[in-house]
Amino acid sequence: MGLLPFVILFAVFIFLMVIPQSRRAKQHREMLAKLQKGDEVVTNGGLAGRVADLGDAFITLEIADGVKVKFQKAAISVVLPKGSLKAA
């Protein structure tokens, strides 16, 4: 009986912390797998650009005409709708 509160606390911890985090990680992996050349993205640091080249671990973003920057693929946080960069 004395162990029951710890078991309940552990179960609540799993349902509130671990499961949502693994769901977000899965969605992020799927987003990175669907990336294509020409997609408009935002990095974790807030830099917005268009995908110029894709590799296995790295991605090249064109942040201005002729200015290309290389990032780790995992640093991409959001894929923007087409035309978002022109509107900004």
PDB file of N, CA and C in Angstrom:
ATOM      1  N   MET A   1       0.812  -1.196   0.000  1.00  0.00           N
ATOM      2  CA  MET A   1       0.000   0.000   0.000  1.00  0.00           C
ATOM      3  C   MET A   1       0.854   1.258   0.000  1.00  0.00           C
ATOM      4  N   GLY A   2       1.993   1.229   0.647  1.00  0.00           N
ATOM      5  CA  GLY A   2       2.866   2.393   0.720  1.00  0.00           C
ATOM      6  C   GLY A   2       3.527   2.712  -0.625  1.00  0.00           C
ATOM      7  N   LEU A   3       3.554   1.749  -1.504  1.00  0.00           N
ATOM      8  CA  LEU A   3       4.184   1.926  -2.815  1.00  0.00           C
ATOM      9  C   LEU A   3       3.215   2.490  -3.856  1.00  0.00           C
ATOM     10  N   LEU A   4       1.942   2.414  -3.595  1.00  0.00           N
ATOM     11  CA  LEU A   4       0.915   2.836  -4.546  1.00  0.00           C
ATOM     12  C   LEU A   4       1.033   4.308  -4.953  1.00  0.00           C
ATOM     13  N   PRO A   5       1.274   5.266  -4.058  1.00  0.00           N
ATOM     14  CA  PRO A   5       1.414   6.669  -4.493  1.00  0.00           C
ATOM     15  C   PRO A   5       2.578   6.884  -5.469  1.00  0.00           C
ATOM     16  N   PHE A   6       3.683   6.153  -5.286  1.00  0.00           N
ATOM     17  CA  PHE A   6       4.815   6.280  -6.201  1.00  0.00           C
ATOM     18  C   PHE A   6       4.490   5.725  -7.582  1.00  0.00           C
ATOM     19  N   VAL A   7       3.748   4.642  -7.631  1.00  0.00           N
ATOM     20  CA  VAL A   7       3.335   4.059  -8.906  1.00  0.00           C
ATOM     21  C   VAL A   7       2.396   5.024  -9.643  1.00  0.00           C
ATOM     22  N   ILE A   8       1.474   5.615  -8.926  1.00  0.00           N
ATOM     23  CA  ILE A   8       0.548   6.586  -9.539  1.00  0.00           C
ATOM     24  C   ILE A   8       1.315   7.811 -10.023  1.00  0.00           C
ATOM     25  N   LEU A   9       2.248   8.308  -9.245  1.00  0.00           N
ATOM     26  CA  LEU A   9       3.063   9.451  -9.636  1.00  0.00           C
ATOM     27  C   LEU A   9       3.890   9.140 -10.885  1.00  0.00           C
ATOM     28  N   PHE A  10       4.445   7.957 -10.953  1.00  0.00           N
ATOM     29  CA  PHE A  10       5.221   7.534 -12.116  1.00  0.00           C
ATOM     30  C   PHE A  10       4.347   7.459 -13.364  1.00  0.00           C
ATOM     31  N   ALA A  11       3.142   6.925 -13.222  1.00  0.00           N
ATOM     32  CA  ALA A  11       2.221   6.828 -14.361  1.00  0.00           C
ATOM     33  C   ALA A  11       1.810   8.212 -14.858  1.00  0.00           C
ATOM     34  N   VAL A  12       1.536   9.121 -13.950  1.00  0.00           N
ATOM     35  CA  VAL A  12       1.176  10.491 -14.330  1.00  0.00           C
ATOM     36  C   VAL A  12       2.352  11.161 -15.034  1.00  0.00           C
ATOM     37  N   PHE A  13       3.541  10.957 -14.535  1.00  0.00           N
ATOM     38  CA  PHE A  13       4.737  11.508 -15.159  1.00  0.00           C
ATOM     39  C   PHE A  13       4.873  11.030 -16.605  1.00  0.00           C
ATOM     40  N   ILE A  14       4.659   9.757 -16.833  1.00  0.00           N
ATOM     41  CA  ILE A  14       4.772   9.208 -18.189  1.00  0.00           C
ATOM     42  C   ILE A  14       3.724   9.821 -19.103  1.00  0.00           C
ATOM     43  N   PHE A  15       2.480   9.902 -18.657  1.00  0.00           N
ATOM     44  CA  PHE A  15       1.419  10.415 -19.510  1.00  0.00           C
ATOM     45  C   PHE A  15       1.533  11.921 -19.768  1.00  0.00           C
ATOM     46  N   LEU A  16       2.082  12.672 -18.829  1.00  0.00           N
ATOM     47  CA  LEU A  16       2.162  14.122 -19.000  1.00  0.00           C
ATOM     48  C   LEU A  16       3.476  14.603 -19.615  1.00  0.00           C
ATOM     49  N   MET A  17       4.532  13.829 -19.527  1.00  0.00           N
ATOM     50  CA  MET A  17       5.834  14.290 -19.985  1.00  0.00           C
ATOM     51  C   MET A  17       6.399  13.457 -21.140  1.00  0.00           C
ATOM     52  N   VAL A  18       6.476  12.170 -20.989  1.00  0.00           N
ATOM     53  CA  VAL A  18       7.193  11.328 -21.940  1.00  0.00           C
ATOM     54  C   VAL A  18       6.410  11.127 -23.235  1.00  0.00           C
ATOM     55  N   ILE A  19       5.160  10.817 -23.161  1.00  0.00           N
ATOM     56  CA  ILE A  19       4.374  10.537 -24.361  1.00  0.00           C
ATOM     57  C   ILE A  19       4.236  11.770 -25.256  1.00  0.00           C
ATOM     58  N   PRO A  20       3.887  12.956 -24.749  1.00  0.00           N
ATOM     59  CA  PRO A  20       3.825  14.121 -25.641  1.00  0.00           C
ATOM     60  C   PRO A  20       5.181  14.489 -26.261  1.00  0.00           C
ATOM     61  N   GLN A  21       6.250  14.316 -25.506  1.00  0.00           N
ATOM     62  CA  GLN A  21       7.573  14.631 -26.032  1.00  0.00           C
ATOM     63  C   GLN A  21       7.944  13.679 -27.161  1.00  0.00           C
ATOM     64  N   SER A  22       7.662  12.415 -27.029  1.00  0.00           N
ATOM     65  CA  SER A  22       7.971  11.461 -28.100  1.00  0.00           C
ATOM     66  C   SER A  22       7.095  11.719 -29.322  1.00  0.00           C
ATOM     67  N   ARG A  23       5.861  12.177 -29.112  1.00  0.00           N
ATOM     68  CA  ARG A  23       4.974  12.510 -30.231  1.00  0.00           C
ATOM     69  C   ARG A  23       5.521  13.711 -31.003  1.00  0.00           C
ATOM     70  N   ARG A  24       6.004  14.742 -30.294  1.00  0.00           N
ATOM     71  CA  ARG A  24       6.592  15.911 -30.955  1.00  0.00           C
ATOM     72  C   ARG A  24       7.862  15.542 -31.711  1.00  0.00           C
ATOM     73  N   ALA A  25       8.677  14.671 -31.145  1.00  0.00           N
ATOM     74  CA  ALA A  25       9.908  14.235 -31.808  1.00  0.00           C
ATOM     75  C   ALA A  25       9.584  13.473 -33.095  1.00  0.00           C
ATOM     76  N   LYS A  26       8.555  12.653 -33.069  1.00  0.00           N
ATOM     77  CA  LYS A  26       8.147  11.909 -34.258  1.00  0.00           C
ATOM     78  C   LYS A  26       7.652  12.869 -35.343  1.00  0.00           C
ATOM     79  N   GLN A  27       6.872  13.875 -34.972  1.00  0.00           N
ATOM     80  CA  GLN A  27       6.383  14.853 -35.941  1.00  0.00           C
ATOM     81  C   GLN A  27       7.547  15.640 -36.556  1.00  0.00           C
ATOM     82  N   HIS A  28       8.556  15.970 -35.756  1.00  0.00           N
ATOM     83  CA  HIS A  28       9.716  16.693 -36.257  1.00  0.00           C
ATOM     84  C   HIS A  28      10.503  15.835 -37.253  1.00  0.00           C
ATOM     85  N   ARG A  29      10.692  14.550 -36.942  1.00  0.00           N
ATOM     86  CA  ARG A  29      11.383  13.649 -37.863  1.00  0.00           C
ATOM     87  C   ARG A  29      10.635  13.532 -39.185  1.00  0.00           C
ATOM     88  N   GLU A  30       9.299  13.436 -39.118  1.00  0.00           N
ATOM     89  CA  GLU A  30       8.498  13.343 -40.339  1.00  0.00           C
ATOM     90  C   GLU A  30       8.604  14.629 -41.159  1.00  0.00           C
ATOM     91  N   MET A  31       8.601  15.792 -40.491  1.00  0.00           N
ATOM     92  CA  MET A  31       8.733  17.066 -41.189  1.00  0.00           C
ATOM     93  C   MET A  31      10.072  17.142 -41.913  1.00  0.00           C
ATOM     94  N   LEU A  32      11.152  16.722 -41.257  1.00  0.00           N
ATOM     95  CA  LEU A  32      12.468  16.756 -41.876  1.00  0.00           C
ATOM     96  C   LEU A  32      12.563  15.783 -43.046  1.00  0.00           C
ATOM     97  N   ALA A  33      11.885  14.659 -42.957  1.00  0.00           N
ATOM     98  CA  ALA A  33      11.911  13.685 -44.046  1.00  0.00           C
ATOM     99  C   ALA A  33      11.179  14.207 -45.284  1.00  0.00           C
ATOM    100  N   LYS A  34      10.193  15.083 -45.097  1.00  0.00           N
ATOM    101  CA  LYS A  34       9.405  15.607 -46.208  1.00  0.00           C
ATOM    102  C   LYS A  34       9.998  16.865 -46.837  1.00  0.00           C
ATOM    103  N   LEU A  35      11.097  17.383 -46.283  1.00  0.00           N
ATOM    104  CA  LEU A  35      11.695  18.610 -46.819  1.00  0.00           C
ATOM    105  C   LEU A  35      12.121  18.422 -48.267  1.00  0.00           C
ATOM    106  N   GLN A  36      11.891  19.454 -49.060  1.00  0.00           N
ATOM    107  CA  GLN A  36      12.273  19.421 -50.462  1.00  0.00           C
ATOM    108  C   GLN A  36      12.991  20.714 -50.816  1.00  0.00           C
ATOM    109  N   LYS A  37      13.701  20.678 -51.918  1.00  0.00           N
ATOM    110  CA  LYS A  37      14.372  21.871 -52.420  1.00  0.00           C
ATOM    111  C   LYS A  37      13.314  22.910 -52.767  1.00  0.00           C
ATOM    112  N   GLY A  38      13.510  24.140 -52.323  1.00  0.00           N
ATOM    113  CA  GLY A  38      12.554  25.214 -52.585  1.00  0.00           C
ATOM    114  C   GLY A  38      11.599  25.491 -51.439  1.00  0.00           C
ATOM    115  N   ASP A  39      11.545  24.616 -50.435  1.00  0.00           N
ATOM    116  CA  ASP A  39      10.690  24.860 -49.269  1.00  0.00           C
ATOM    117  C   ASP A  39      11.220  26.057 -48.480  1.00  0.00           C
ATOM    118  N   GLU A  40      10.311  26.791 -47.878  1.00  0.00           N
ATOM    119  CA  GLU A  40      10.679  27.925 -47.035  1.00  0.00           C
ATOM    120  C   GLU A  40      10.604  27.478 -45.580  1.00  0.00           C
ATOM    121  N   VAL A  41      11.697  27.692 -44.843  1.00  0.00           N
ATOM    122  CA  VAL A  41      11.803  27.178 -43.483  1.00  0.00           C
ATOM    123  C   VAL A  41      12.330  28.248 -42.532  1.00  0.00           C
ATOM    124  N   VAL A  42      12.171  27.980 -41.239  1.00  0.00           N
ATOM    125  CA  VAL A  42      12.744  28.801 -40.168  1.00  0.00           C
ATOM    126  C   VAL A  42      13.580  27.878 -39.291  1.00  0.00           C
ATOM    127  N   THR A  43      14.775  28.328 -38.920  1.00  0.00           N
ATOM    128  CA  THR A  43      15.643  27.526 -38.061  1.00  0.00           C
ATOM    129  C   THR A  43      15.311  27.772 -36.591  1.00  0.00           C
ATOM    130  N   ASN A  44      15.924  26.994 -35.722  1.00  0.00           N
ATOM    131  CA  ASN A  44      15.738  27.187 -34.281  1.00  0.00           C
ATOM    132  C   ASN A  44      16.227  28.558 -33.830  1.00  0.00           C
ATOM    133  N   GLY A  45      17.190  29.121 -34.531  1.00  0.00           N
ATOM    134  CA  GLY A  45      17.723  30.433 -34.184  1.00  0.00           C
ATOM    135  C   GLY A  45      16.907  31.587 -34.743  1.00  0.00           C
ATOM    136  N   GLY A  46      15.874  31.287 -35.537  1.00  0.00           N
ATOM    137  CA  GLY A  46      15.010  32.318 -36.068  1.00  0.00           C
ATOM    138  C   GLY A  46      15.360  32.783 -37.472  1.00  0.00           C
ATOM    139  N   LEU A  47      16.336  32.165 -38.106  1.00  0.00           N
ATOM    140  CA  LEU A  47      16.739  32.545 -39.455  1.00  0.00           C
ATOM    141  C   LEU A  47      15.801  31.901 -40.465  1.00  0.00           C
ATOM    142  N   ALA A  48      15.225  32.713 -41.348  1.00  0.00           N
ATOM    143  CA  ALA A  48      14.294  32.209 -42.354  1.00  0.00           C
ATOM    144  C   ALA A  48      14.980  32.177 -43.705  1.00  0.00           C
ATOM    145  N   GLY A  49      14.694  31.146 -44.480  1.00  0.00           N
ATOM    146  CA  GLY A  49      15.299  31.041 -45.804  1.00  0.00           C
ATOM    147  C   GLY A  49      14.636  29.958 -46.624  1.00  0.00           C
ATOM    148  N   ARG A  50      15.121  29.832 -47.855  1.00  0.00           N
ATOM    149  CA  ARG A  50      14.601  28.846 -48.799  1.00  0.00           C
ATOM    150  C   ARG A  50      15.633  27.724 -48.929  1.00  0.00           C
ATOM    151  N   VAL A  51      15.193  26.472 -48.944  1.00  0.00           N
ATOM    152  CA  VAL A  51      16.089  25.330 -49.047  1.00  0.00           C
ATOM    153  C   VAL A  51      16.727  25.333 -50.439  1.00  0.00           C
ATOM    154  N   ALA A  52      18.068  25.421 -50.464  1.00  0.00           N
ATOM    155  CA  ALA A  52      18.792  25.421 -51.726  1.00  0.00           C
ATOM    156  C   ALA A  52      19.378  24.047 -52.025  1.00  0.00           C
ATOM    157  N   ASP A  53      19.750  23.304 -50.984  1.00  0.00           N
ATOM    158  CA  ASP A  53      20.347  21.984 -51.185  1.00  0.00           C
ATOM    159  C   ASP A  53      20.084  21.137 -49.948  1.00  0.00           C
ATOM    160  N   LEU A  54      19.846  19.849 -50.167  1.00  0.00           N
ATOM    161  CA  LEU A  54      19.584  18.904 -49.082  1.00  0.00           C
ATOM    162  C   LEU A  54      20.646  17.823 -49.067  1.00  0.00           C
ATOM    163  N   GLY A  55      21.112  17.489 -47.877  1.00  0.00           N
ATOM    164  CA  GLY A  55      22.017  16.366 -47.696  1.00  0.00           C
ATOM    165  C   GLY A  55      21.432  15.435 -46.644  1.00  0.00           C
ATOM    166  N   ASP A  56      22.216  14.447 -46.253  1.00  0.00           N
ATOM    167  CA  ASP A  56      21.740  13.525 -45.228  1.00  0.00           C
ATOM    168  C   ASP A  56      21.663  14.193 -43.864  1.00  0.00           C
ATOM    169  N   ALA A  57      22.705  14.952 -43.512  1.00  0.00           N
ATOM    170  CA  ALA A  57      22.755  15.568 -42.187  1.00  0.00           C
ATOM    171  C   ALA A  57      22.699  17.093 -42.239  1.00  0.00           C
ATOM    172  N   PHE A  58      22.996  17.679 -43.410  1.00  0.00           N
ATOM    173  CA  PHE A  58      23.051  19.136 -43.514  1.00  0.00           C
ATOM    174  C   PHE A  58      22.102  19.644 -44.584  1.00  0.00           C
ATOM    175  N   ILE A  59      21.742  20.906 -44.457  1.00  0.00           N
ATOM    176  CA  ILE A  59      20.830  21.563 -45.380  1.00  0.00           C
ATOM    177  C   ILE A  59      21.417  22.949 -45.677  1.00  0.00           C
ATOM    178  N   THR A  60      21.328  23.376 -46.918  1.00  0.00           N
ATOM    179  CA  THR A  60      21.808  24.697 -47.295  1.00  0.00           C
ATOM    180  C   THR A  60      20.611  25.597 -47.526  1.00  0.00           C
ATOM    181  N   LEU A  61      20.585  26.727 -46.816  1.00  0.00           N
ATOM    182  CA  LEU A  61      19.501  27.693 -46.944  1.00  0.00           C
ATOM    183  C   LEU A  61      19.994  28.921 -47.687  1.00  0.00           C
ATOM    184  N   GLU A  62      19.152  29.429 -48.574  1.00  0.00           N
ATOM    185  CA  GLU A  62      19.428  30.696 -49.227  1.00  0.00           C
ATOM    186  C   GLU A  62      18.627  31.748 -48.470  1.00  0.00           C
ATOM    187  N   ILE A  63      19.345  32.606 -47.739  1.00  0.00           N
ATOM    188  CA  ILE A  63      18.672  33.586 -46.888  1.00  0.00           C
ATOM    189  C   ILE A  63      18.500  34.929 -47.586  1.00  0.00           C
ATOM    190  N   ALA A  64      19.234  35.142 -48.679  1.00  0.00           N
ATOM    191  CA  ALA A  64      19.102  36.328 -49.525  1.00  0.00           C
ATOM    192  C   ALA A  64      19.630  35.932 -50.904  1.00  0.00           C
ATOM    193  N   ASP A  65      19.468  36.785 -51.885  1.00  0.00           N
ATOM    194  CA  ASP A  65      19.959  36.463 -53.221  1.00  0.00           C
ATOM    195  C   ASP A  65      21.467  36.238 -53.188  1.00  0.00           C
ATOM    196  N   GLY A  66      21.878  35.011 -53.492  1.00  0.00           N
ATOM    197  CA  GLY A  66      23.293  34.677 -53.529  1.00  0.00           C
ATOM    198  C   GLY A  66      23.938  34.416 -52.188  1.00  0.00           C
ATOM    199  N   VAL A  67      23.199  34.484 -51.087  1.00  0.00           N
ATOM    200  CA  VAL A  67      23.755  34.242 -49.748  1.00  0.00           C
ATOM    201  C   VAL A  67      23.229  32.895 -49.254  1.00  0.00           C
ATOM    202  N   LYS A  68      24.140  31.937 -49.152  1.00  0.00           N
ATOM    203  CA  LYS A  68      23.755  30.587 -48.732  1.00  0.00           C
ATOM    204  C   LYS A  68      24.467  30.236 -47.428  1.00  0.00           C
ATOM    205  N   VAL A  69      23.727  29.586 -46.538  1.00  0.00           N
ATOM    206  CA  VAL A  69      24.239  29.202 -45.224  1.00  0.00           C
ATOM    207  C   VAL A  69      23.930  27.727 -45.018  1.00  0.00           C
ATOM    208  N   LYS A  70      24.884  27.005 -44.442  1.00  0.00           N
ATOM    209  CA  LYS A  70      24.704  25.572 -44.210  1.00  0.00           C
ATOM    210  C   LYS A  70      24.345  25.328 -42.745  1.00  0.00           C
ATOM    211  N   PHE A  71      23.302  24.522 -42.519  1.00  0.00           N
ATOM    212  CA  PHE A  71      22.819  24.177 -41.172  1.00  0.00           C
ATOM    213  C   PHE A  71      22.696  22.667 -41.033  1.00  0.00           C
ATOM    214  N   GLN A  72      22.676  22.224 -39.794  1.00  0.00           N
ATOM    215  CA  GLN A  72      22.303  20.836 -39.547  1.00  0.00           C
ATOM    216  C   GLN A  72      20.814  20.711 -39.814  1.00  0.00           C
ATOM    217  N   LYS A  73      20.415  19.580 -40.352  1.00  0.00           N
ATOM    218  CA  LYS A  73      19.006  19.372 -40.682  1.00  0.00           C
ATOM    219  C   LYS A  73      18.117  19.473 -39.445  1.00  0.00           C
ATOM    220  N   ALA A  74      18.613  19.032 -38.319  1.00  0.00           N
ATOM    221  CA  ALA A  74      17.822  19.047 -37.084  1.00  0.00           C
ATOM    222  C   ALA A  74      17.549  20.459 -36.585  1.00  0.00           C
ATOM    223  N   ALA A  75      18.256  21.464 -37.120  1.00  0.00           N
ATOM    224  CA  ALA A  75      18.061  22.851 -36.677  1.00  0.00           C
ATOM    225  C   ALA A  75      16.832  23.493 -37.303  1.00  0.00           C
ATOM    226  N   ILE A  76      16.188  22.808 -38.224  1.00  0.00           N
ATOM    227  CA  ILE A  76      14.981  23.344 -38.851  1.00  0.00           C
ATOM    228  C   ILE A  76      13.818  23.132 -37.893  1.00  0.00           C
ATOM    229  N   SER A  77      13.106  24.232 -37.587  1.00  0.00           N
ATOM    230  CA  SER A  77      12.008  24.110 -36.626  1.00  0.00           C
ATOM    231  C   SER A  77      10.636  24.161 -37.287  1.00  0.00           C
ATOM    232  N   VAL A  78      10.492  24.946 -38.370  1.00  0.00           N
ATOM    233  CA  VAL A  78       9.172  25.127 -38.982  1.00  0.00           C
ATOM    234  C   VAL A  78       9.325  25.188 -40.497  1.00  0.00           C
ATOM    235  N   VAL A  79       8.394  24.550 -41.204  1.00  0.00           N
ATOM    236  CA  VAL A  79       8.291  24.711 -42.647  1.00  0.00           C
ATOM    237  C   VAL A  79       7.150  25.696 -42.893  1.00  0.00           C
ATOM    238  N   LEU A  80       7.474  26.805 -43.572  1.00  0.00           N
ATOM    239  CA  LEU A  80       6.492  27.853 -43.825  1.00  0.00           C
ATOM    240  C   LEU A  80       5.680  27.549 -45.089  1.00  0.00           C
ATOM    241  N   PRO A  81       4.485  28.107 -45.195  1.00  0.00           N
ATOM    242  CA  PRO A  81       3.722  27.985 -46.441  1.00  0.00           C
ATOM    243  C   PRO A  81       4.450  28.719 -47.573  1.00  0.00           C
ATOM    244  N   LYS A  82       4.263  28.242 -48.794  1.00  0.00           N
ATOM    245  CA  LYS A  82       4.902  28.859 -49.963  1.00  0.00           C
ATOM    246  C   LYS A  82       4.534  30.332 -50.057  1.00  0.00           C
ATOM    247  N   GLY A  83       5.503  31.169 -50.342  1.00  0.00           N
ATOM    248  CA  GLY A  83       5.276  32.596 -50.496  1.00  0.00           C
ATOM    249  C   GLY A  83       5.369  33.394 -49.210  1.00  0.00           C
ATOM    250  N   SER A  84       5.655  32.764 -48.107  1.00  0.00           N
ATOM    251  CA  SER A  84       5.732  33.467 -46.828  1.00  0.00           C
ATOM    252  C   SER A  84       6.901  34.450 -46.773  1.00  0.00           C
ATOM    253  N   LEU A  85       8.004  34.114 -47.392  1.00  0.00           N
ATOM    254  CA  LEU A  85       9.169  34.985 -47.337  1.00  0.00           C
ATOM    255  C   LEU A  85       8.977  36.235 -48.187  1.00  0.00           C
ATOM    256  N   LYS A  86       8.239  36.127 -49.256  1.00  0.00           N
ATOM    257  CA  LYS A  86       7.986  37.299 -50.088  1.00  0.00           C
ATOM    258  C   LYS A  86       7.069  38.284 -49.374  1.00  0.00           C
ATOM    259  N   ALA A  87       6.159  37.778 -48.545  1.00  0.00           N
ATOM    260  CA  ALA A  87       5.202  38.635 -47.834  1.00  0.00           C
ATOM    261  C   ALA A  87       5.858  39.400 -46.688  1.00  0.00           C
ATOM    262  N   ALA A  88       6.988  38.891 -46.194  1.00  0.00           N
ATOM    263  CA  ALA A  88       7.629  39.519 -45.033  1.00  0.00           C
ATOM    264  C   ALA A  88       8.461  40.709 -45.393  1.00  0.00           C
TER     265      ALA A  88
END
